[in-house]
Amino acid sequence: MSRTAIVRYRTRPETAEQNARLVEAVYSALARIEPPDFRYATYRLDDGVSFVHVAYFGGPDNPLATLPEFAEFQRELAERCEEQPSPREATVVGAYASKD
């Protein structure tokens, strides 16, 4: 059964760049392992300090849970944030991707 998860949070201004670097390390690790049936995107909103992560899990396991880089990202996340992460499950109503 597939799942979609969305997480939103707001970092402190002085920790936003550190947070972005930690997120980038997670993407580097994902590129190395290429987990099947998994899609993940992170957005930094225009205020510069808010982040939104969207993950689609097609299988039963979350590949992020196995990554040391993701553990490092999570390690001090609460201290980096003014607004704590708010994870939500979501249902896809529609999606589109161009074939570029």
C-alpha atoms as a PDB file:
ATOM      1  CA  MET A   1       0.000   0.000   0.000  1.00  0.00           C
ATOM      2  CA  SER A   2       1.413   3.377  -0.928  1.00  0.00           C
ATOM      3  CA  ARG A   3       1.601   6.303   1.442  1.00  0.00           C
ATOM      4  CA  THR A   4       2.260  10.010   1.036  1.00  0.00           C
ATOM      5  CA  ALA A   5       3.649  11.995   3.942  1.00  0.00           C
ATOM      6  CA  ILE A   6       4.070  15.756   4.202  1.00  0.00           C
ATOM      7  CA  VAL A   7       6.128  17.469   6.902  1.00  0.00           C
ATOM      8  CA  ARG A   8       6.262  21.227   7.412  1.00  0.00           C
ATOM      9  CA  TYR A   9       8.405  23.199   9.889  1.00  0.00           C
ATOM     10  CA  ARG A  10      10.092  26.562  10.354  1.00  0.00           C
ATOM     11  CA  THR A  11      13.727  26.907  11.357  1.00  0.00           C
ATOM     12  CA  ARG A  12      15.317  29.777  13.207  1.00  0.00           C
ATOM     13  CA  PRO A  13      16.904  32.250  10.767  1.00  0.00           C
ATOM     14  CA  GLU A  14      20.408  31.411  12.007  1.00  0.00           C
ATOM     15  CA  THR A  15      19.922  27.658  11.409  1.00  0.00           C
ATOM     16  CA  ALA A  16      18.188  27.698   7.995  1.00  0.00           C
ATOM     17  CA  GLU A  17      21.393  27.268   5.963  1.00  0.00           C
ATOM     18  CA  GLN A  18      22.612  24.443   8.206  1.00  0.00           C
ATOM     19  CA  ASN A  19      19.237  22.741   7.763  1.00  0.00           C
ATOM     20  CA  ALA A  20      19.466  23.076   3.971  1.00  0.00           C
ATOM     21  CA  ARG A  21      22.959  21.525   3.976  1.00  0.00           C
ATOM     22  CA  LEU A  22      21.745  18.579   6.065  1.00  0.00           C
ATOM     23  CA  VAL A  23      18.826  18.066   3.665  1.00  0.00           C
ATOM     24  CA  GLU A  24      21.228  18.123   0.701  1.00  0.00           C
ATOM     25  CA  ALA A  25      23.292  15.371   2.358  1.00  0.00           C
ATOM     26  CA  VAL A  26      20.169  13.204   2.567  1.00  0.00           C
ATOM     27  CA  TYR A  27      19.612  13.646  -1.175  1.00  0.00           C
ATOM     28  CA  SER A  28      23.218  12.689  -1.908  1.00  0.00           C
ATOM     29  CA  ALA A  29      22.703   9.477   0.086  1.00  0.00           C
ATOM     30  CA  LEU A  30      19.426   8.735  -1.719  1.00  0.00           C
ATOM     31  CA  ALA A  31      21.185   9.172  -5.073  1.00  0.00           C
ATOM     32  CA  ARG A  32      23.737   6.549  -3.998  1.00  0.00           C
ATOM     33  CA  ILE A  33      21.219   3.912  -2.909  1.00  0.00           C
ATOM     34  CA  GLU A  34      18.416   4.690  -5.422  1.00  0.00           C
ATOM     35  CA  PRO A  35      15.547   3.208  -3.372  1.00  0.00           C
ATOM     36  CA  PRO A  36      12.802   1.700  -5.550  1.00  0.00           C
ATOM     37  CA  ASP A  37       9.264   3.082  -5.584  1.00  0.00           C
ATOM     38  CA  PHE A  38      10.180   6.105  -3.488  1.00  0.00           C
ATOM     39  CA  ARG A  39       9.805   9.771  -4.340  1.00  0.00           C
ATOM     40  CA  TYR A  40      10.934  12.611  -2.120  1.00  0.00           C
ATOM     41  CA  ALA A  41      11.012  16.378  -2.514  1.00  0.00           C
ATOM     42  CA  THR A  42      11.961  19.171  -0.156  1.00  0.00           C
ATOM     43  CA  TYR A  43      10.886  22.763  -0.655  1.00  0.00           C
ATOM     44  CA  ARG A  44      12.264  25.861   1.015  1.00  0.00           C
ATOM     45  CA  LEU A  45       9.513  28.459   1.112  1.00  0.00           C
ATOM     46  CA  ASP A  46       9.987  32.094   0.135  1.00  0.00           C
ATOM     47  CA  ASP A  47      10.419  33.226   3.747  1.00  0.00           C
ATOM     48  CA  GLY A  48      13.777  31.407   3.682  1.00  0.00           C
ATOM     49  CA  VAL A  49      13.179  29.549   6.940  1.00  0.00           C
ATOM     50  CA  SER A  50      10.171  27.294   6.289  1.00  0.00           C
ATOM     51  CA  PHE A  51      10.649  23.841   4.779  1.00  0.00           C
ATOM     52  CA  VAL A  52       8.171  21.314   3.414  1.00  0.00           C
ATOM     53  CA  HIS A  53       9.114  17.678   2.754  1.00  0.00           C
ATOM     54  CA  VAL A  54       6.892  15.446   0.629  1.00  0.00           C
ATOM     55  CA  ALA A  55       7.570  11.707   0.539  1.00  0.00           C
ATOM     56  CA  TYR A  56       5.834   8.983  -1.422  1.00  0.00           C
ATOM     57  CA  PHE A  57       6.401   5.428  -0.238  1.00  0.00           C
ATOM     58  CA  GLY A  58       5.292   2.773  -2.695  1.00  0.00           C
ATOM     59  CA  GLY A  59       6.541  -0.071  -0.521  1.00  0.00           C
ATOM     60  CA  PRO A  60       6.243  -0.997   3.132  1.00  0.00           C
ATOM     61  CA  ASP A  61       9.631   0.389   4.213  1.00  0.00           C
ATOM     62  CA  ASN A  62      10.821   3.961   4.578  1.00  0.00           C
ATOM     63  CA  PRO A  63      14.292   4.123   2.986  1.00  0.00           C
ATOM     64  CA  LEU A  64      15.066   7.311   4.929  1.00  0.00           C
ATOM     65  CA  ALA A  65      15.101   5.293   8.155  1.00  0.00           C
ATOM     66  CA  THR A  66      18.210   3.415   7.003  1.00  0.00           C
ATOM     67  CA  LEU A  67      20.303   6.475   6.140  1.00  0.00           C
ATOM     68  CA  PRO A  68      22.911   7.831   8.581  1.00  0.00           C
ATOM     69  CA  GLU A  69      22.524  11.190   6.800  1.00  0.00           C
ATOM     70  CA  PHE A  70      18.824  11.266   7.659  1.00  0.00           C
ATOM     71  CA  ALA A  71      19.616  10.403  11.283  1.00  0.00           C
ATOM     72  CA  GLU A  72      22.073  13.310  11.317  1.00  0.00           C
ATOM     73  CA  PHE A  73      19.432  15.617   9.793  1.00  0.00           C
ATOM     74  CA  GLN A  74      16.973  14.637  12.525  1.00  0.00           C
ATOM     75  CA  ARG A  75      19.496  14.697  15.397  1.00  0.00           C
ATOM     76  CA  GLU A  76      19.111  18.363  16.390  1.00  0.00           C
ATOM     77  CA  LEU A  77      16.107  19.293  14.263  1.00  0.00           C
ATOM     78  CA  ALA A  78      14.048  20.359  17.288  1.00  0.00           C
ATOM     79  CA  GLU A  79      16.775  22.791  18.345  1.00  0.00           C
ATOM     80  CA  ARG A  80      17.005  24.251  14.805  1.00  0.00           C
ATOM     81  CA  CYS A  81      13.263  24.955  14.678  1.00  0.00           C
ATOM     82  CA  GLU A  82      11.028  27.796  15.803  1.00  0.00           C
ATOM     83  CA  GLU A  83       8.003  25.803  14.642  1.00  0.00           C
ATOM     84  CA  GLN A  84       8.386  22.069  15.191  1.00  0.00           C
ATOM     85  CA  PRO A  85       7.822  19.554  12.389  1.00  0.00           C
ATOM     86  CA  SER A  86       4.196  18.739  11.713  1.00  0.00           C
ATOM     87  CA  PRO A  87       3.969  15.401   9.884  1.00  0.00           C
ATOM     88  CA  ARG A  88       0.730  14.607   8.078  1.00  0.00           C
ATOM     89  CA  GLU A  89      -0.430  11.698   5.973  1.00  0.00           C
ATOM     90  CA  ALA A  90      -1.970  12.784   2.670  1.00  0.00           C
ATOM     91  CA  THR A  91      -4.021  11.272  -0.116  1.00  0.00           C
ATOM     92  CA  VAL A  92      -3.105  12.088  -3.703  1.00  0.00           C
ATOM     93  CA  VAL A  93      -6.026  13.661  -5.493  1.00  0.00           C
ATOM     94  CA  GLY A  94      -4.118  14.262  -8.701  1.00  0.00           C
ATOM     95  CA  ALA A  95      -0.564  14.500  -9.978  1.00  0.00           C
ATOM     96  CA  TYR A  96       1.122  15.464 -13.207  1.00  0.00           C
ATOM     97  CA  ALA A  97       4.672  15.178 -14.493  1.00  0.00           C
ATOM     98  CA  SER A  98       5.864  16.355 -17.886  1.00  0.00           C
ATOM     99  CA  LYS A  99       7.857  13.947 -20.018  1.00  0.00           C
ATOM    100  CA  ASP A 100      10.905  16.167 -20.577  1.00  0.00           C
END
